[in-house]
Amino acid sequence: MAATVTLEPAGRCRWDEPVHIAVRGLAPGQPVTLRASLRDEKDELFRAHARYCADAHGQLDLERAPALGGSFTGLEPMGLLWALEPEKPLLRLVKRDVQTPFAVELEVLDGHDPEAGGLLGQAVHERDFLAPGVRREPVRVGRVRATLFLPPGTGPFPGILDLFGSGGGLCEYRASLLAGHGFAVLALAYFRFEDLPKYLNNVCLEYFEEAVDFMLQHPKVKGPSVGLLGFSKGGDLCLSMASFLKGITATAVINACVANTIAPLHYKDMIIPNLSSDPGKYKITESGLLNLVDIWNDPLEKPNHQSLIPLEKAQGPFLFIVGMDDHNWKSEFYAQIASERLQAHGKDRPQIIYYPGTGHCIDPPYFPLCRASVHAVLDQPIFYGGEPKAHSRAQSVIFP
């Protein structure tokens, strides 16, 4: 091997941090192909590649050299990560154990042919999910099933509750990365985990109230309130929490509905029914994927009014992050409903950020786009939408 791959930082770094990739020891103007690959915790392979030409000094700097083809084109210093695609279709790259890193193998291959030539150089780049000093504490208090991530230092730190969607389980990778930016984050499970309900049939807001109280009573969490971050079904749960519970300072939701969805929501003597749907309105894409965006009934129609979440009761502000190519929820429509409802009640309108070309599943930076995958609960291939480059841009803005 004649080429040397250099990485800066040279050692392990966080998944949401950029890395500077360069190659030295090539011939002037030499055509090469760079390939990245990693295996997830189920040993599934993800790959990306791009074609480049060395400069007049036989060097290649991905911050200066545009990709000439492959998984992406143009100046994309982190393209070899955000363009990773599964070898098997319908797989989503997630991190299940945040205590171990992902190992990304980088290879430099000779030439631009579809089957590039000999191996010229290689390196292994480890990307982890726990910044130095971040503490991971499993939480099994009362009914609450969660993991708390605390930044280094004495604190107290601003607190966030982090909820994912209708796949269920306990997802920690977003919370662990946010803790590296100075937040105390509770990754909260609410079904399909340990002794929690297996299915989302009925939801009691008291469970989430218990989680908020846990955070507000924790000595490392800065009171008197916490923020909420929710995605998909977790988003409408966060909207309900903000509307009915005390101690919520701000709420950010990613591609969420303004009505209660999937299961009835109970709180004390109140029940918010779930937004009705017509499963017969689903569509099948040319690739045989389910497109569910049209199955949900309009929450503004009179029969569905009781499913609307009373956002006007909330004390703190809202942020709606909208993927304009979301094929699960009509996220843009729902954000506009929220804005009109709040203004009609004399409240400040929410901040709404629209991202063209962005699909349903918006993860922290450098996670590759998941355009479609098999839903963990429905056990069906679901179409999520999105375009890789636009999606990556949005992720870097949402989670700087």
Protein backbone atom coordinates (compact mmCIF):
# COMPACT_ATOMS: atom_id res chain seq x y z
CA MET A 1 0.00 0.00 0.00
CA ALA A 2 1.50 3.32 -1.13
CA ALA A 3 -1.01 5.83 0.25
CA THR A 4 -1.54 7.08 3.80
CA VAL A 5 -5.00 7.96 5.11
CA THR A 6 -4.94 10.66 7.78
CA LEU A 7 -7.81 11.58 10.08
CA GLU A 8 -8.23 14.68 12.19
CA PRO A 9 -8.96 14.25 15.01
CA ALA A 10 -6.66 11.26 14.83
CA GLY A 11 -8.32 9.23 17.60
CA ARG A 12 -11.89 8.38 18.42
CA CYS A 13 -14.46 11.16 18.08
CA ARG A 14 -18.20 11.62 18.58
CA TRP A 15 -20.62 10.49 15.91
CA ASP A 16 -22.00 14.02 15.50
CA GLU A 17 -18.55 15.62 15.07
CA PRO A 18 -16.97 16.18 11.65
CA VAL A 19 -13.72 14.45 10.79
CA HIS A 20 -11.11 15.74 8.35
CA ILE A 21 -10.13 12.99 5.89
CA ALA A 22 -7.04 13.30 3.70
CA VAL A 23 -4.85 10.97 1.64
CA ARG A 24 -1.13 11.39 0.96
CA GLY A 25 1.38 9.48 -1.11
CA LEU A 26 -0.56 9.34 -4.38
CA ALA A 27 0.77 10.21 -7.82
CA PRO A 28 -0.02 13.71 -9.14
CA GLY A 29 -3.57 13.70 -10.55
CA GLN A 30 -4.03 10.01 -9.73
CA PRO A 31 -7.64 8.81 -9.98
CA VAL A 32 -8.77 6.94 -6.87
CA THR A 33 -11.95 5.67 -5.27
CA LEU A 34 -12.56 6.12 -1.55
CA ARG A 35 -14.82 3.60 0.13
CA ALA A 36 -16.33 3.66 3.61
CA SER A 37 -17.96 0.72 5.31
CA LEU A 38 -19.25 -0.19 8.75
CA ARG A 39 -21.10 -3.06 10.33
CA ASP A 40 -23.84 -2.38 12.82
CA GLU A 41 -24.42 -4.39 15.97
CA LYS A 42 -26.34 -7.01 14.01
CA ASP A 43 -23.38 -7.36 11.65
CA GLU A 44 -25.26 -5.73 8.77
CA LEU A 45 -23.01 -3.97 6.27
CA PHE A 46 -23.38 -0.31 5.22
CA ARG A 47 -21.26 1.16 2.42
CA ALA A 48 -20.56 4.36 0.49
CA HIS A 49 -17.95 5.26 -2.14
CA ALA A 50 -16.83 8.29 -4.11
CA ARG A 51 -14.36 8.95 -6.95
CA TYR A 52 -11.64 11.59 -6.65
CA CYS A 53 -8.43 12.78 -8.29
CA ALA A 54 -5.30 13.67 -6.34
CA ASP A 55 -3.88 17.18 -6.69
CA ALA A 56 -0.59 18.11 -8.35
CA HIS A 57 1.29 17.11 -5.20
CA GLY A 58 -0.26 13.65 -4.98
CA GLN A 59 -2.53 14.63 -2.09
CA LEU A 60 -6.28 14.43 -1.60
CA ASP A 61 -8.12 16.57 0.92
CA LEU A 62 -11.86 15.92 1.15
CA GLU A 63 -12.44 19.46 2.42
CA ARG A 64 -11.07 20.80 -0.89
CA ALA A 65 -11.56 18.08 -3.49
CA PRO A 66 -15.02 17.48 -4.99
CA ALA A 67 -16.29 13.96 -5.49
CA LEU A 68 -16.56 13.18 -9.20
CA GLY A 69 -19.14 10.42 -8.85
CA GLY A 70 -20.22 7.46 -6.78
CA SER A 71 -22.58 7.70 -3.82
CA PHE A 72 -22.50 11.51 -4.07
CA THR A 73 -20.87 14.31 -6.06
CA GLY A 74 -19.40 17.69 -5.23
CA LEU A 75 -17.60 19.01 -2.18
CA GLU A 76 -18.87 16.82 0.66
CA PRO A 77 -16.22 16.34 3.36
CA MET A 78 -18.53 14.02 5.35
CA GLY A 79 -20.26 12.38 2.40
CA LEU A 80 -18.68 9.00 3.03
CA LEU A 81 -20.69 8.84 6.26
CA TRP A 82 -24.03 10.43 5.43
CA ALA A 83 -24.22 8.52 2.12
CA LEU A 84 -23.82 5.07 3.70
CA GLU A 85 -26.39 2.62 2.38
CA PRO A 86 -27.29 -0.86 3.65
CA GLU A 87 -26.13 -3.84 1.66
CA LYS A 88 -29.53 -5.38 2.36
CA PRO A 89 -32.52 -3.15 1.54
CA LEU A 90 -34.90 -1.72 4.14
CA LEU A 91 -32.38 -1.47 6.97
CA ARG A 92 -31.93 1.64 9.09
CA LEU A 93 -28.62 2.48 10.73
CA VAL A 94 -29.22 2.99 14.45
CA LYS A 95 -27.00 2.67 17.51
CA ARG A 96 -28.35 0.24 20.05
CA ASP A 97 -25.47 0.20 22.54
CA VAL A 98 -24.13 3.73 22.98
CA GLN A 99 -21.33 2.45 25.21
CA THR A 100 -19.44 1.08 22.20
CA PRO A 101 -18.32 2.96 19.07
CA PHE A 102 -19.05 2.33 15.43
CA ALA A 103 -15.89 1.42 13.53
CA VAL A 104 -15.79 2.92 10.04
CA GLU A 105 -13.29 1.31 7.66
CA LEU A 106 -11.88 3.71 5.07
CA GLU A 107 -10.16 2.36 1.97
CA VAL A 108 -8.33 4.03 -0.92
CA LEU A 109 -8.62 2.06 -4.16
CA ASP A 110 -6.80 2.69 -7.42
CA GLY A 111 -8.82 4.05 -10.35
CA HIS A 112 -12.41 4.99 -11.15
CA ASP A 113 -13.73 1.82 -12.72
CA PRO A 114 -16.97 0.39 -11.31
CA GLU A 115 -14.78 -2.29 -9.80
CA ALA A 116 -11.90 -0.16 -8.54
CA GLY A 117 -8.37 -1.49 -8.61
CA GLY A 118 -5.90 -2.50 -5.93
CA LEU A 119 -5.95 -1.31 -2.33
CA LEU A 120 -3.59 1.68 -1.91
CA GLY A 121 -4.28 2.60 1.72
CA GLN A 122 -6.73 2.14 4.57
CA ALA A 123 -7.63 3.31 8.07
CA VAL A 124 -10.19 2.52 10.76
CA HIS A 125 -12.08 5.46 12.23
CA GLU A 126 -13.97 4.97 15.51
CA ARG A 127 -16.99 7.17 16.19
CA ASP A 128 -18.60 6.92 19.62
CA PHE A 129 -21.69 8.24 21.36
CA LEU A 130 -20.47 9.20 24.82
CA ALA A 131 -18.29 12.28 25.13
CA PRO A 132 -15.53 12.08 27.77
CA GLY A 133 -17.09 12.39 31.21
CA VAL A 134 -20.69 11.81 30.12
CA ARG A 135 -22.43 9.47 32.56
CA ARG A 136 -25.04 6.92 31.59
CA GLU A 137 -27.48 5.96 34.36
CA PRO A 138 -30.28 3.41 33.83
CA VAL A 139 -33.51 4.63 35.46
CA ARG A 140 -35.98 2.20 37.01
CA VAL A 141 -37.88 4.45 39.41
CA GLY A 142 -41.55 3.75 40.03
CA ARG A 143 -43.04 3.03 36.63
CA VAL A 144 -40.41 5.00 34.70
CA ARG A 145 -38.17 3.01 32.37
CA ALA A 146 -35.46 5.20 30.90
CA THR A 147 -31.78 6.09 30.73
CA LEU A 148 -30.40 9.36 32.03
CA PHE A 149 -27.33 10.91 30.42
CA LEU A 150 -25.46 13.55 32.43
CA PRO A 151 -22.72 15.84 31.09
CA PRO A 152 -19.35 16.03 32.83
CA GLY A 153 -19.10 18.52 35.68
CA THR A 154 -21.03 19.32 38.80
CA GLY A 155 -24.09 20.87 37.16
CA PRO A 156 -26.95 21.39 37.51
CA PHE A 157 -27.70 21.11 33.79
CA PRO A 158 -30.74 22.05 31.69
CA GLY A 159 -32.94 18.98 31.40
CA ILE A 160 -34.58 17.39 28.36
CA LEU A 161 -36.94 14.43 27.99
CA ASP A 162 -36.33 12.64 24.68
CA LEU A 163 -39.08 10.51 23.08
CA PHE A 164 -38.99 8.44 19.91
CA GLY A 165 -41.91 7.13 17.87
CA SER A 166 -44.22 4.21 17.24
CA GLY A 167 -41.42 1.65 16.92
CA GLY A 168 -41.23 1.56 20.70
CA GLY A 169 -38.30 0.38 22.78
CA LEU A 170 -35.61 2.53 24.37
CA CYS A 171 -33.53 4.62 21.95
CA GLU A 172 -30.49 6.23 23.57
CA TYR A 173 -28.26 7.52 20.78
CA ARG A 174 -29.85 10.96 20.41
CA ALA A 175 -29.89 11.54 24.17
CA SER A 176 -26.29 10.40 24.60
CA LEU A 177 -25.07 12.81 21.93
CA LEU A 178 -27.09 15.72 23.34
CA ALA A 179 -25.54 15.12 26.76
CA GLY A 180 -22.18 15.80 25.14
CA HIS A 181 -23.45 19.33 24.44
CA GLY A 182 -24.25 20.13 28.06
CA PHE A 183 -27.79 18.81 28.58
CA ALA A 184 -29.09 16.30 31.12
CA VAL A 185 -31.20 14.09 28.86
CA LEU A 186 -33.67 11.38 29.81
CA ALA A 187 -34.18 8.86 26.99
CA LEU A 188 -37.67 7.69 27.87
CA ALA A 189 -39.29 4.41 26.82
CA TYR A 190 -43.07 4.18 26.90
CA PHE A 191 -43.90 0.81 25.37
CA ARG A 192 -42.27 -2.34 24.00
CA PHE A 193 -39.50 -2.30 26.59
CA GLU A 194 -39.01 -4.53 29.67
CA ASP A 195 -42.23 -4.55 31.73
CA LEU A 196 -43.89 -1.69 29.84
CA PRO A 197 -46.90 -2.54 27.64
CA LYS A 198 -45.99 -4.47 24.52
CA TYR A 199 -48.43 -2.56 22.35
CA LEU A 200 -49.61 1.03 22.24
CA ASN A 201 -53.26 0.43 23.10
CA ASN A 202 -53.87 3.00 25.83
CA VAL A 203 -51.50 5.71 27.01
CA CYS A 204 -51.62 7.30 30.47
CA LEU A 205 -50.14 10.77 30.73
CA GLU A 206 -49.44 10.11 34.42
CA TYR A 207 -46.51 7.92 33.31
CA PHE A 208 -44.90 10.88 31.54
CA GLU A 209 -45.74 13.16 34.47
CA GLU A 210 -43.79 10.76 36.68
CA ALA A 211 -40.82 11.05 34.33
CA VAL A 212 -40.98 14.86 34.42
CA ASP A 213 -41.11 14.79 38.22
CA PHE A 214 -38.10 12.47 38.30
CA MET A 215 -36.10 14.96 36.27
CA LEU A 216 -37.18 17.99 38.28
CA GLN A 217 -36.24 16.26 41.55
CA HIS A 218 -32.84 15.13 40.30
CA PRO A 219 -29.98 17.12 41.87
CA LYS A 220 -28.11 17.36 38.56
CA VAL A 221 -31.08 18.82 36.66
CA LYS A 222 -31.57 22.57 36.60
CA GLY A 223 -35.13 23.52 37.55
CA PRO A 224 -37.76 24.73 37.74
CA SER A 225 -38.65 23.21 34.37
CA VAL A 226 -37.44 20.90 31.61
CA GLY A 227 -37.65 20.82 27.84
CA LEU A 228 -39.19 18.18 25.60
CA LEU A 229 -37.92 16.68 22.35
CA GLY A 230 -40.15 14.27 20.46
CA PHE A 231 -40.19 12.55 17.09
CA SER A 232 -43.26 11.17 15.27
CA LYS A 233 -45.63 9.61 17.86
CA GLY A 234 -43.22 10.84 20.53
CA GLY A 235 -43.87 14.31 19.14
CA ASP A 236 -47.60 14.36 19.78
CA LEU A 237 -46.95 12.90 23.23
CA CYS A 238 -44.64 15.85 23.92
CA LEU A 239 -47.34 18.25 22.72
CA SER A 240 -49.79 16.63 25.16
CA MET A 241 -47.25 16.80 27.98
CA ALA A 242 -46.68 20.50 27.34
CA SER A 243 -50.42 21.14 27.26
CA PHE A 244 -51.36 19.37 30.50
CA LEU A 245 -48.29 19.00 32.71
CA LYS A 246 -46.47 21.54 34.84
CA GLY A 247 -42.75 22.16 34.68
CA ILE A 248 -42.34 22.26 30.87
CA THR A 249 -40.27 25.17 29.60
CA ALA A 250 -40.17 24.48 25.84
CA THR A 251 -41.16 21.76 23.36
CA ALA A 252 -39.50 20.77 20.09
CA VAL A 253 -41.10 18.16 17.83
CA ILE A 254 -39.81 16.52 14.66
CA ASN A 255 -42.45 15.49 12.11
CA ALA A 256 -45.34 15.17 14.52
CA CYS A 257 -49.11 15.45 14.47
CA VAL A 258 -51.10 18.06 16.44
CA ALA A 259 -53.75 15.48 17.26
CA ASN A 260 -53.37 12.50 19.55
CA THR A 261 -52.59 9.50 17.38
CA ILE A 262 -52.62 5.67 17.42
CA ALA A 263 -54.05 5.15 20.93
CA PRO A 264 -56.38 7.00 23.34
CA LEU A 265 -54.63 9.27 25.82
CA HIS A 266 -55.79 9.18 29.46
CA TYR A 267 -55.07 11.80 32.10
CA LYS A 268 -56.95 11.85 35.40
CA ASP A 269 -60.64 11.88 34.39
CA MET A 270 -59.97 13.03 30.81
CA ILE A 271 -59.64 10.97 27.64
CA ILE A 272 -58.38 12.31 24.31
CA PRO A 273 -59.40 9.83 21.61
CA ASN A 274 -56.90 8.93 18.94
CA LEU A 275 -57.24 10.49 15.51
CA SER A 276 -59.20 8.14 13.32
CA SER A 277 -57.72 6.71 10.16
CA ASP A 278 -58.72 4.87 7.03
CA PRO A 279 -56.14 2.12 6.41
CA GLY A 280 -57.65 1.57 2.97
CA LYS A 281 -56.18 4.88 1.79
CA TYR A 282 -52.60 3.64 1.91
CA LYS A 283 -50.62 3.62 -1.31
CA ILE A 284 -48.00 1.25 -2.62
CA THR A 285 -44.90 2.77 -4.20
CA GLU A 286 -43.29 1.37 -7.33
CA SER A 287 -40.81 -0.37 -5.02
CA GLY A 288 -43.61 -2.10 -3.11
CA LEU A 289 -43.41 0.10 0.00
CA LEU A 290 -46.34 1.32 2.07
CA ASN A 291 -46.99 5.06 1.88
CA LEU A 292 -49.21 5.87 4.87
CA VAL A 293 -49.43 9.65 4.64
CA ASP A 294 -53.04 9.70 3.39
CA ILE A 295 -54.56 7.25 5.85
CA TRP A 296 -54.99 9.81 8.65
CA ASN A 297 -58.26 11.71 8.79
CA ASP A 298 -58.26 15.49 8.89
CA PRO A 299 -58.14 16.65 12.54
CA LEU A 300 -59.94 19.87 11.54
CA GLU A 301 -63.06 18.01 10.47
CA LYS A 302 -65.73 18.09 13.17
CA PRO A 303 -65.78 14.35 13.99
CA ASN A 304 -62.05 14.55 14.77
CA HIS A 305 -61.96 17.73 16.86
CA GLN A 306 -61.77 15.85 20.16
CA SER A 307 -58.44 14.35 19.09
CA LEU A 308 -56.79 17.76 18.76
CA ILE A 309 -54.28 18.52 21.50
CA PRO A 310 -55.11 21.80 23.32
CA LEU A 311 -51.75 23.48 22.69
CA GLU A 312 -53.11 26.79 23.94
CA LYS A 313 -52.91 25.41 27.49
CA ALA A 314 -49.12 25.16 27.32
CA GLN A 315 -46.93 27.67 29.14
CA GLY A 316 -43.79 27.44 27.02
CA PRO A 317 -42.95 27.97 23.33
CA PHE A 318 -43.04 25.37 20.56
CA LEU A 319 -40.67 24.48 17.75
CA PHE A 320 -41.94 22.38 14.85
CA ILE A 321 -39.33 20.78 12.59
CA VAL A 322 -40.94 19.79 9.31
CA GLY A 323 -39.51 17.43 6.71
CA MET A 324 -41.12 18.56 3.47
CA ASP A 325 -40.76 15.07 1.98
CA ASP A 326 -42.24 13.28 5.00
CA HIS A 327 -44.42 10.41 3.78
CA ASN A 328 -45.70 9.31 7.22
CA TRP A 329 -47.38 12.47 8.50
CA LYS A 330 -48.66 15.62 6.84
CA SER A 331 -46.15 17.45 9.00
CA GLU A 332 -46.40 20.80 7.21
CA PHE A 333 -50.20 20.80 7.48
CA TYR A 334 -50.09 19.91 11.17
CA ALA A 335 -47.56 22.65 11.95
CA GLN A 336 -49.83 25.20 10.27
CA ILE A 337 -52.78 23.98 12.35
CA ALA A 338 -50.69 24.51 15.48
CA SER A 339 -49.79 28.03 14.41
CA GLU A 340 -53.38 29.01 13.65
CA ARG A 341 -54.72 27.45 16.84
CA LEU A 342 -52.21 29.21 19.08
CA GLN A 343 -52.79 32.58 17.42
CA ALA A 344 -56.57 32.14 17.68
CA HIS A 345 -56.13 31.80 21.46
CA GLY A 346 -53.89 34.86 21.73
CA LYS A 347 -50.71 32.82 22.10
CA ASP A 348 -47.39 33.31 20.37
CA ARG A 349 -47.17 31.43 17.11
CA PRO A 350 -44.72 28.50 17.17
CA GLN A 351 -41.44 28.56 15.36
CA ILE A 352 -41.68 26.34 12.29
CA ILE A 353 -38.62 25.29 10.30
CA TYR A 354 -39.19 23.67 6.94
CA TYR A 355 -36.58 21.43 5.30
CA PRO A 356 -37.12 20.59 1.60
CA GLY A 357 -35.99 17.13 0.56
CA THR A 358 -36.06 15.88 4.14
CA GLY A 359 -37.98 12.73 5.02
CA HIS A 360 -39.62 11.44 8.17
CA CYS A 361 -36.70 10.04 10.17
CA ILE A 362 -34.42 12.94 11.11
CA ASP A 363 -31.49 11.78 13.23
CA PRO A 364 -28.40 13.64 14.55
CA PRO A 365 -25.74 14.66 11.99
CA TYR A 366 -24.08 12.12 9.71
CA PHE A 367 -26.62 9.37 10.21
CA PRO A 368 -27.49 8.24 6.68
CA LEU A 369 -30.96 8.83 5.33
CA CYS A 370 -33.47 6.07 6.00
CA ARG A 371 -35.81 6.40 3.03
CA ALA A 372 -37.63 3.17 3.88
CA SER A 373 -37.44 0.37 6.42
CA VAL A 374 -39.50 -2.38 8.01
CA HIS A 375 -41.48 -0.85 10.86
CA ALA A 376 -40.63 -2.55 14.15
CA VAL A 377 -44.26 -2.94 15.27
CA LEU A 378 -46.20 -3.10 12.01
CA ASP A 379 -43.67 -5.49 10.50
CA GLN A 380 -44.30 -3.86 7.13
CA PRO A 381 -41.95 -2.00 4.75
CA ILE A 382 -42.74 1.69 5.22
CA PHE A 383 -41.77 4.54 2.88
CA TYR A 384 -40.37 7.55 4.78
CA GLY A 385 -39.17 9.82 1.95
CA GLY A 386 -36.21 12.18 1.73
CA GLU A 387 -33.13 12.79 -0.42
CA PRO A 388 -29.69 12.01 1.08
CA LYS A 389 -27.89 15.33 0.54
CA ALA A 390 -30.81 17.55 1.59
CA HIS A 391 -31.47 15.29 4.54
CA SER A 392 -27.86 15.55 5.71
CA ARG A 393 -27.95 19.35 5.46
CA ALA A 394 -31.06 19.47 7.62
CA GLN A 395 -29.59 17.21 10.29
CA SER A 396 -26.49 19.41 10.62
CA VAL A 397 -28.67 22.50 11.13
CA ILE A 398 -31.12 20.89 13.56
CA PHE A 399 -28.39 19.32 15.69
CA PRO A 400 -25.38 21.68 15.25
